[in-house]
């Protein structure tokens, strides 16, 4: 996460592995004093990244989300950076909830007068340190497992905007069923953002391909651009391109 020191990032990574970890354990694992660890934990708690417990700490994020944040990190960073390259000064964009999607905002530093409409609370830390970005968070019901706002209120508010680009991820991706997710609420949000955008961009690492979510979001042919990594089979890439989708490999 942006704004954290190397040691703070290491603490967060350890906490993301699951459960509460004692100060003494963190001190031993990182090779620093307990006093130093307690100072780091106070800083992380102030930033809203962790929750202090009696004698230790735990991550402030839902376990499912923490697991996603720690998976394929390097690939997600590359995909997010490539997505951010599409955004120009003065653009209006939508970003749906998701760990890769949130990283896009990290790479908008240096761009000016960008307005983001999103249902993801994961974007907030990156927007805080970039005064050239304006963020509109839609209302709705908060879902901790996705750090997302969903439901009728969010859908109604999204209808009020039109944007140049929308960026979305997916839980699953197949040629036959397109983009899928485990939650109907997520599918509804992405479909509404799709209606409000001129260009629709899918950011998804290759591990998502072949997975089937419970709910269908969109067919692949409804996507303008797909950004993925070079582990995706070349024959699959060609079939996606045959659907009229621009595929970018990072």
C-alpha atoms as a PDB file:
ATOM      1  CA  UNK A   1       0.000   0.000   0.000  1.00  0.00           C
ATOM      2  CA  UNK A   2       1.245   3.454  -0.884  1.00  0.00           C
ATOM      3  CA  UNK A   3       2.378   5.661   1.982  1.00  0.00           C
ATOM      4  CA  UNK A   4       3.792   2.810   4.097  1.00  0.00           C
ATOM      5  CA  UNK A   5       7.421   2.306   5.031  1.00  0.00           C
ATOM      6  CA  UNK A   6       9.162  -0.940   4.051  1.00  0.00           C
ATOM      7  CA  UNK A   7       8.790  -2.303   7.595  1.00  0.00           C
ATOM      8  CA  UNK A   8       5.132  -1.267   7.804  1.00  0.00           C
ATOM      9  CA  UNK A   9       4.484  -3.050   4.524  1.00  0.00           C
ATOM     10  CA  UNK A  10       6.205  -6.151   5.908  1.00  0.00           C
ATOM     11  CA  UNK A  11       3.987  -6.034   9.008  1.00  0.00           C
ATOM     12  CA  UNK A  12       0.852  -5.762   6.888  1.00  0.00           C
ATOM     13  CA  UNK A  13       1.996  -8.710   4.755  1.00  0.00           C
ATOM     14  CA  UNK A  14       2.469 -10.834   7.881  1.00  0.00           C
ATOM     15  CA  UNK A  15      -0.950  -9.826   9.245  1.00  0.00           C
ATOM     16  CA  UNK A  16      -2.580 -10.617   5.894  1.00  0.00           C
ATOM     17  CA  UNK A  17      -1.497 -14.225   6.336  1.00  0.00           C
ATOM     18  CA  UNK A  18      -4.354 -14.512   8.777  1.00  0.00           C
ATOM     19  CA  UNK A  19      -5.408 -13.915  12.366  1.00  0.00           C
ATOM     20  CA  UNK A  20      -3.980 -11.901  15.203  1.00  0.00           C
ATOM     21  CA  UNK A  21      -0.202 -11.711  15.625  1.00  0.00           C
ATOM     22  CA  UNK A  22       1.506 -10.760  18.873  1.00  0.00           C
ATOM     23  CA  UNK A  23       4.005  -7.906  19.149  1.00  0.00           C
ATOM     24  CA  UNK A  24       6.667 -10.368  20.294  1.00  0.00           C
ATOM     25  CA  UNK A  25       6.133 -12.506  17.184  1.00  0.00           C
ATOM     26  CA  UNK A  26       6.355  -9.510  14.867  1.00  0.00           C
ATOM     27  CA  UNK A  27       9.487  -8.347  16.690  1.00  0.00           C
ATOM     28  CA  UNK A  28      11.142 -11.732  16.225  1.00  0.00           C
ATOM     29  CA  UNK A  29      10.093 -12.134  12.590  1.00  0.00           C
ATOM     30  CA  UNK A  30      11.291  -8.662  11.561  1.00  0.00           C
ATOM     31  CA  UNK A  31      14.381  -8.472  13.779  1.00  0.00           C
ATOM     32  CA  UNK A  32      13.500  -5.228  15.556  1.00  0.00           C
ATOM     33  CA  UNK A  33      12.574  -4.347  19.124  1.00  0.00           C
ATOM     34  CA  UNK A  34       9.079  -4.584  20.561  1.00  0.00           C
ATOM     35  CA  UNK A  35       9.165  -0.823  21.132  1.00  0.00           C
ATOM     36  CA  UNK A  36       9.751  -0.277  17.394  1.00  0.00           C
ATOM     37  CA  UNK A  37       6.942  -2.680  16.489  1.00  0.00           C
ATOM     38  CA  UNK A  38       4.498  -0.925  18.825  1.00  0.00           C
ATOM     39  CA  UNK A  39       5.385   2.404  17.208  1.00  0.00           C
ATOM     40  CA  UNK A  40       4.768   0.925  13.760  1.00  0.00           C
ATOM     41  CA  UNK A  41       1.444  -0.538  14.878  1.00  0.00           C
ATOM     42  CA  UNK A  42       0.295   2.837  16.218  1.00  0.00           C
ATOM     43  CA  UNK A  43       1.140   4.399  12.855  1.00  0.00           C
ATOM     44  CA  UNK A  44      -0.660   1.662  10.896  1.00  0.00           C
ATOM     45  CA  UNK A  45      -3.732   1.894  13.141  1.00  0.00           C
ATOM     46  CA  UNK A  46      -3.877   5.657  12.596  1.00  0.00           C
ATOM     47  CA  UNK A  47      -3.805   5.049   8.831  1.00  0.00           C
ATOM     48  CA  UNK A  48      -6.701   2.585   9.174  1.00  0.00           C
ATOM     49  CA  UNK A  49      -4.683  -0.357   7.860  1.00  0.00           C
ATOM     50  CA  UNK A  50      -4.704  -2.514  11.005  1.00  0.00           C
ATOM     51  CA  UNK A  51      -6.640  -2.938  14.244  1.00  0.00           C
ATOM     52  CA  UNK A  52      -4.723  -3.027  17.542  1.00  0.00           C
ATOM     53  CA  UNK A  53      -5.503  -5.891  19.897  1.00  0.00           C
ATOM     54  CA  UNK A  54      -4.354  -6.698  23.414  1.00  0.00           C
ATOM     55  CA  UNK A  55      -0.693  -7.486  22.886  1.00  0.00           C
ATOM     56  CA  UNK A  56      -0.752  -7.516  19.099  1.00  0.00           C
ATOM     57  CA  UNK A  57      -2.649  -6.560  15.960  1.00  0.00           C
ATOM     58  CA  UNK A  58      -4.729  -7.872  13.079  1.00  0.00           C
ATOM     59  CA  UNK A  59      -5.496  -6.587   9.609  1.00  0.00           C
ATOM     60  CA  UNK A  60      -8.382  -4.144   9.254  1.00  0.00           C
ATOM     61  CA  UNK A  61      -9.554  -5.855   6.071  1.00  0.00           C
ATOM     62  CA  UNK A  62     -11.842  -8.849   5.665  1.00  0.00           C
ATOM     63  CA  UNK A  63      -9.807 -12.113   5.438  1.00  0.00           C
ATOM     64  CA  UNK A  64     -11.057 -12.848   1.901  1.00  0.00           C
ATOM     65  CA  UNK A  65      -9.972  -9.421   0.704  1.00  0.00           C
ATOM     66  CA  UNK A  66      -6.632  -9.639   2.482  1.00  0.00           C
ATOM     67  CA  UNK A  67      -5.983 -12.940   0.701  1.00  0.00           C
ATOM     68  CA  UNK A  68      -6.754 -11.376  -2.690  1.00  0.00           C
ATOM     69  CA  UNK A  69      -4.490  -8.411  -1.947  1.00  0.00           C
ATOM     70  CA  UNK A  70      -1.543 -10.730  -1.345  1.00  0.00           C
ATOM     71  CA  UNK A  71      -2.063 -12.863  -4.486  1.00  0.00           C
ATOM     72  CA  UNK A  72      -0.182 -12.217  -7.790  1.00  0.00           C
ATOM     73  CA  UNK A  73       0.880  -8.803  -6.518  1.00  0.00           C
ATOM     74  CA  UNK A  74       3.615  -8.137  -9.089  1.00  0.00           C
ATOM     75  CA  UNK A  75       1.370  -9.054 -12.030  1.00  0.00           C
ATOM     76  CA  UNK A  76      -1.499  -6.955 -10.674  1.00  0.00           C
ATOM     77  CA  UNK A  77       0.826  -3.961 -10.383  1.00  0.00           C
ATOM     78  CA  UNK A  78       1.874  -4.297 -14.044  1.00  0.00           C
ATOM     79  CA  UNK A  79      -1.731  -4.633 -15.205  1.00  0.00           C
ATOM     80  CA  UNK A  80      -2.820  -1.616 -13.151  1.00  0.00           C
ATOM     81  CA  UNK A  81       0.009   0.506 -14.534  1.00  0.00           C
ATOM     82  CA  UNK A  82      -0.948  -0.400 -18.121  1.00  0.00           C
ATOM     83  CA  UNK A  83      -4.567   0.501 -17.362  1.00  0.00           C
ATOM     84  CA  UNK A  84      -3.579   3.877 -15.907  1.00  0.00           C
ATOM     85  CA  UNK A  85      -1.726   4.691 -19.140  1.00  0.00           C
ATOM     86  CA  UNK A  86      -5.107   4.996 -20.884  1.00  0.00           C
ATOM     87  CA  UNK A  87      -6.169   7.829 -18.605  1.00  0.00           C
ATOM     88  CA  UNK A  88      -5.358  11.367 -19.749  1.00  0.00           C
ATOM     89  CA  UNK A  89      -5.551  14.726 -17.986  1.00  0.00           C
ATOM     90  CA  UNK A  90      -9.162  15.832 -17.656  1.00  0.00           C
ATOM     91  CA  UNK A  91     -10.669  12.354 -18.079  1.00  0.00           C
ATOM     92  CA  UNK A  92     -13.715  11.103 -16.218  1.00  0.00           C
ATOM     93  CA  UNK A  93     -13.533   7.402 -15.392  1.00  0.00           C
ATOM     94  CA  UNK A  94     -15.348   4.721 -13.403  1.00  0.00           C
ATOM     95  CA  UNK A  95     -13.570   2.015 -11.415  1.00  0.00           C
ATOM     96  CA  UNK A  96     -15.434  -0.932  -9.941  1.00  0.00           C
ATOM     97  CA  UNK A  97     -14.385  -2.635  -6.713  1.00  0.00           C
ATOM     98  CA  UNK A  98     -11.475  -5.076  -6.833  1.00  0.00           C
ATOM     99  CA  UNK A  99      -7.858  -5.306  -5.710  1.00  0.00           C
ATOM    100  CA  UNK A 100      -6.318  -4.825  -9.171  1.00  0.00           C
ATOM    101  CA  UNK A 101      -8.720  -1.986  -9.971  1.00  0.00           C
ATOM    102  CA  UNK A 102      -7.742  -0.084  -6.826  1.00  0.00           C
ATOM    103  CA  UNK A 103      -4.082  -0.155  -7.841  1.00  0.00           C
ATOM    104  CA  UNK A 104      -4.885   1.792 -11.022  1.00  0.00           C
ATOM    105  CA  UNK A 105      -5.267   4.962  -8.942  1.00  0.00           C
ATOM    106  CA  UNK A 106      -1.752   4.495  -7.598  1.00  0.00           C
ATOM    107  CA  UNK A 107      -0.402   5.037 -11.119  1.00  0.00           C
ATOM    108  CA  UNK A 108      -2.431   8.182 -11.799  1.00  0.00           C
ATOM    109  CA  UNK A 109       0.074  10.254  -9.839  1.00  0.00           C
ATOM    110  CA  UNK A 110       1.265  13.128 -12.032  1.00  0.00           C
ATOM    111  CA  UNK A 111      -1.978  13.310 -14.012  1.00  0.00           C
ATOM    112  CA  UNK A 112      -4.258  16.288 -13.560  1.00  0.00           C
ATOM    113  CA  UNK A 113      -7.974  16.940 -13.254  1.00  0.00           C
ATOM    114  CA  UNK A 114      -8.990  13.266 -13.313  1.00  0.00           C
ATOM    115  CA  UNK A 115     -12.455  12.560 -11.897  1.00  0.00           C
ATOM    116  CA  UNK A 116     -13.144   9.029 -10.648  1.00  0.00           C
ATOM    117  CA  UNK A 117     -16.561   7.581  -9.878  1.00  0.00           C
ATOM    118  CA  UNK A 118     -16.334   4.358  -7.900  1.00  0.00           C
ATOM    119  CA  UNK A 119     -18.013   2.015  -5.440  1.00  0.00           C
ATOM    120  CA  UNK A 120     -14.650   0.902  -3.981  1.00  0.00           C
ATOM    121  CA  UNK A 121     -13.372   2.168  -0.642  1.00  0.00           C
ATOM    122  CA  UNK A 122      -9.930   0.702  -1.460  1.00  0.00           C
ATOM    123  CA  UNK A 123      -9.294   3.766  -3.646  1.00  0.00           C
ATOM    124  CA  UNK A 124      -9.410   6.226  -0.764  1.00  0.00           C
ATOM    125  CA  UNK A 125      -5.790   5.899   0.491  1.00  0.00           C
ATOM    126  CA  UNK A 126      -4.430   6.589  -3.000  1.00  0.00           C
ATOM    127  CA  UNK A 127      -6.703   9.581  -3.561  1.00  0.00           C
ATOM    128  CA  UNK A 128      -5.703  11.117  -0.221  1.00  0.00           C
ATOM    129  CA  UNK A 129      -2.155  11.711  -1.415  1.00  0.00           C
ATOM    130  CA  UNK A 130      -3.060  12.937  -4.918  1.00  0.00           C
ATOM    131  CA  UNK A 131      -4.697  16.383  -4.895  1.00  0.00           C
ATOM    132  CA  UNK A 132      -5.155  16.271  -8.675  1.00  0.00           C
ATOM    133  CA  UNK A 133      -7.750  13.491  -8.475  1.00  0.00           C
ATOM    134  CA  UNK A 134     -11.379  14.004  -7.569  1.00  0.00           C
ATOM    135  CA  UNK A 135     -13.235  10.967  -6.226  1.00  0.00           C
ATOM    136  CA  UNK A 136     -16.986  10.470  -6.137  1.00  0.00           C
ATOM    137  CA  UNK A 137     -17.942   7.467  -4.006  1.00  0.00           C
ATOM    138  CA  UNK A 138     -21.443   6.246  -4.707  1.00  0.00           C
ATOM    139  CA  UNK A 139     -23.724   5.466  -1.781  1.00  0.00           C
ATOM    140  CA  UNK A 140     -25.089   2.050  -0.930  1.00  0.00           C
ATOM    141  CA  UNK A 141     -24.680  -0.937   1.357  1.00  0.00           C
ATOM    142  CA  UNK A 142     -21.107  -1.620   2.493  1.00  0.00           C
ATOM    143  CA  UNK A 143     -19.698  -5.112   1.881  1.00  0.00           C
ATOM    144  CA  UNK A 144     -16.502  -5.661   3.948  1.00  0.00           C
ATOM    145  CA  UNK A 145     -15.423  -8.749   1.990  1.00  0.00           C
ATOM    146  CA  UNK A 146     -15.067  -6.578  -1.135  1.00  0.00           C
ATOM    147  CA  UNK A 147     -14.560  -3.111   0.415  1.00  0.00           C
ATOM    148  CA  UNK A 148     -17.449  -2.141  -1.854  1.00  0.00           C
ATOM    149  CA  UNK A 149     -20.685  -0.149  -1.832  1.00  0.00           C
ATOM    150  CA  UNK A 150     -23.512  -1.945  -3.617  1.00  0.00           C
ATOM    151  CA  UNK A 151     -27.278  -2.076  -3.936  1.00  0.00           C
ATOM    152  CA  UNK A 152     -30.087   0.129  -5.331  1.00  0.00           C
ATOM    153  CA  UNK A 153     -28.672   3.435  -4.046  1.00  0.00           C
ATOM    154  CA  UNK A 154     -25.319   2.811  -5.737  1.00  0.00           C
ATOM    155  CA  UNK A 155     -26.992   1.790  -8.999  1.00  0.00           C
ATOM    156  CA  UNK A 156     -29.209   4.895  -9.042  1.00  0.00           C
ATOM    157  CA  UNK A 157     -26.273   7.221  -8.473  1.00  0.00           C
ATOM    158  CA  UNK A 158     -24.161   5.615 -11.201  1.00  0.00           C
ATOM    159  CA  UNK A 159     -26.899   6.468 -13.713  1.00  0.00           C
ATOM    160  CA  UNK A 160     -26.181  10.162 -13.152  1.00  0.00           C
ATOM    161  CA  UNK A 161     -22.739  10.051 -14.784  1.00  0.00           C
ATOM    162  CA  UNK A 162     -21.151   9.396 -18.171  1.00  0.00           C
ATOM    163  CA  UNK A 163     -17.421   8.671 -18.402  1.00  0.00           C
ATOM    164  CA  UNK A 164     -14.668   8.103 -20.956  1.00  0.00           C
ATOM    165  CA  UNK A 165     -13.463   4.817 -19.476  1.00  0.00           C
ATOM    166  CA  UNK A 166     -14.681   2.221 -17.024  1.00  0.00           C
ATOM    167  CA  UNK A 167     -12.302  -0.298 -15.477  1.00  0.00           C
ATOM    168  CA  UNK A 168     -13.455  -3.587 -14.023  1.00  0.00           C
ATOM    169  CA  UNK A 169     -12.029  -6.862 -12.819  1.00  0.00           C
ATOM    170  CA  UNK A 170     -13.705 -10.242 -12.606  1.00  0.00           C
ATOM    171  CA  UNK A 171     -13.787 -13.297 -10.340  1.00  0.00           C
ATOM    172  CA  UNK A 172     -13.960 -15.671 -13.297  1.00  0.00           C
ATOM    173  CA  UNK A 173     -13.418 -15.533 -17.054  1.00  0.00           C
ATOM    174  CA  UNK A 174     -14.193 -18.030 -19.838  1.00  0.00           C
ATOM    175  CA  UNK A 175     -14.720 -17.776 -23.579  1.00  0.00           C
ATOM    176  CA  UNK A 176     -18.194 -19.276 -23.287  1.00  0.00           C
ATOM    177  CA  UNK A 177     -19.544 -17.372 -20.289  1.00  0.00           C
ATOM    178  CA  UNK A 178     -17.448 -14.200 -20.312  1.00  0.00           C
ATOM    179  CA  UNK A 179     -17.039 -12.319 -17.035  1.00  0.00           C
ATOM    180  CA  UNK A 180     -18.542 -13.922 -13.932  1.00  0.00           C
ATOM    181  CA  UNK A 181     -18.634 -13.204 -10.207  1.00  0.00           C
ATOM    182  CA  UNK A 182     -19.821 -14.833  -7.011  1.00  0.00           C
ATOM    183  CA  UNK A 183     -22.205 -12.024  -6.020  1.00  0.00           C
ATOM    184  CA  UNK A 184     -25.213 -10.664  -7.908  1.00  0.00           C
ATOM    185  CA  UNK A 185     -24.616  -7.223  -6.359  1.00  0.00           C
ATOM    186  CA  UNK A 186     -21.163  -6.985  -7.943  1.00  0.00           C
ATOM    187  CA  UNK A 187     -22.521  -8.002 -11.341  1.00  0.00           C
ATOM    188  CA  UNK A 188     -25.200  -5.291 -11.163  1.00  0.00           C
ATOM    189  CA  UNK A 189     -22.613  -2.601 -10.391  1.00  0.00           C
ATOM    190  CA  UNK A 190     -20.337  -3.595 -13.284  1.00  0.00           C
ATOM    191  CA  UNK A 191     -23.213  -3.775 -15.764  1.00  0.00           C
ATOM    192  CA  UNK A 192     -24.397  -0.301 -14.760  1.00  0.00           C
ATOM    193  CA  UNK A 193     -20.886   1.131 -15.123  1.00  0.00           C
ATOM    194  CA  UNK A 194     -20.680  -0.562 -18.539  1.00  0.00           C
ATOM    195  CA  UNK A 195     -23.799   1.367 -19.626  1.00  0.00           C
ATOM    196  CA  UNK A 196     -22.301   4.689 -18.533  1.00  0.00           C
ATOM    197  CA  UNK A 197     -18.909   4.370 -20.288  1.00  0.00           C
ATOM    198  CA  UNK A 198     -17.610   4.874 -23.811  1.00  0.00           C
ATOM    199  CA  UNK A 199     -14.663   2.465 -23.453  1.00  0.00           C
ATOM    200  CA  UNK A 200     -14.866  -0.625 -21.230  1.00  0.00           C
ATOM    201  CA  UNK A 201     -11.588  -2.027 -19.905  1.00  0.00           C
ATOM    202  CA  UNK A 202     -11.147  -5.413 -18.227  1.00  0.00           C
ATOM    203  CA  UNK A 203      -8.125  -5.816 -15.936  1.00  0.00           C
ATOM    204  CA  UNK A 204      -7.614  -9.494 -15.109  1.00  0.00           C
ATOM    205  CA  UNK A 205      -4.551 -11.628 -14.537  1.00  0.00           C
ATOM    206  CA  UNK A 206      -4.398 -15.029 -16.236  1.00  0.00           C
ATOM    207  CA  UNK A 207      -5.308 -16.937 -13.052  1.00  0.00           C
ATOM    208  CA  UNK A 208      -8.899 -15.752 -13.504  1.00  0.00           C
ATOM    209  CA  UNK A 209      -9.267 -17.574 -16.840  1.00  0.00           C
ATOM    210  CA  UNK A 210     -11.126 -20.865 -16.633  1.00  0.00           C
ATOM    211  CA  UNK A 211     -12.855 -19.952 -13.356  1.00  0.00           C
ATOM    212  CA  UNK A 212     -16.649 -19.892 -13.254  1.00  0.00           C
ATOM    213  CA  UNK A 213     -18.401 -17.478 -10.934  1.00  0.00           C
ATOM    214  CA  UNK A 214     -22.020 -18.051  -9.900  1.00  0.00           C
ATOM    215  CA  UNK A 215     -23.350 -14.925 -11.649  1.00  0.00           C
ATOM    216  CA  UNK A 216     -22.728 -13.865 -15.254  1.00  0.00           C
ATOM    217  CA  UNK A 217     -21.669 -10.224 -15.624  1.00  0.00           C
ATOM    218  CA  UNK A 218     -20.992  -9.586 -19.303  1.00  0.00           C
ATOM    219  CA  UNK A 219     -19.922 -11.507 -22.402  1.00  0.00           C
ATOM    220  CA  UNK A 220     -16.325 -10.916 -23.442  1.00  0.00           C
ATOM    221  CA  UNK A 221     -17.504  -9.292 -26.678  1.00  0.00           C
ATOM    222  CA  UNK A 222     -18.910  -6.397 -24.606  1.00  0.00           C
ATOM    223  CA  UNK A 223     -15.390  -5.467 -23.472  1.00  0.00           C
ATOM    224  CA  UNK A 224     -13.384  -2.926 -25.490  1.00  0.00           C
ATOM    225  CA  UNK A 225      -9.927  -3.665 -24.044  1.00  0.00           C
ATOM    226  CA  UNK A 226      -8.556  -6.521 -21.960  1.00  0.00           C
ATOM    227  CA  UNK A 227      -5.292  -6.135 -20.032  1.00  0.00           C
ATOM    228  CA  UNK A 228      -3.732  -9.372 -18.804  1.00  0.00           C
ATOM    229  CA  UNK A 229      -0.362 -11.085 -18.373  1.00  0.00           C
ATOM    230  CA  UNK A 230       1.730 -13.288 -20.644  1.00  0.00           C
ATOM    231  CA  UNK A 231       0.737 -16.513 -18.882  1.00  0.00           C
ATOM    232  CA  UNK A 232      -2.560 -16.606 -20.741  1.00  0.00           C
ATOM    233  CA  UNK A 233      -2.526 -19.161 -23.567  1.00  0.00           C
ATOM    234  CA  UNK A 234      -1.826 -17.565 -26.967  1.00  0.00           C
ATOM    235  CA  UNK A 235      -4.686 -19.458 -28.629  1.00  0.00           C
ATOM    236  CA  UNK A 236      -7.092 -18.075 -26.041  1.00  0.00           C
ATOM    237  CA  UNK A 237      -5.753 -14.574 -26.657  1.00  0.00           C
ATOM    238  CA  UNK A 238      -6.377 -14.922 -30.400  1.00  0.00           C
ATOM    239  CA  UNK A 239      -9.937 -16.128 -29.817  1.00  0.00           C
ATOM    240  CA  UNK A 240     -10.596 -13.133 -27.594  1.00  0.00           C
ATOM    241  CA  UNK A 241      -9.191 -10.818 -30.242  1.00  0.00           C
ATOM    242  CA  UNK A 242     -11.484 -12.464 -32.797  1.00  0.00           C
ATOM    243  CA  UNK A 243     -14.382 -11.198 -30.656  1.00  0.00           C
ATOM    244  CA  UNK A 244     -13.252  -7.641 -31.391  1.00  0.00           C
ATOM    245  CA  UNK A 245     -11.502  -7.117 -28.056  1.00  0.00           C
ATOM    246  CA  UNK A 246      -8.151  -5.334 -27.980  1.00  0.00           C
ATOM    247  CA  UNK A 247      -5.865  -7.508 -25.823  1.00  0.00           C
ATOM    248  CA  UNK A 248      -2.845  -5.940 -24.121  1.00  0.00           C
ATOM    249  CA  UNK A 249      -0.236  -8.237 -22.598  1.00  0.00           C
ATOM    250  CA  UNK A 250       2.035  -7.004 -19.788  1.00  0.00           C
END
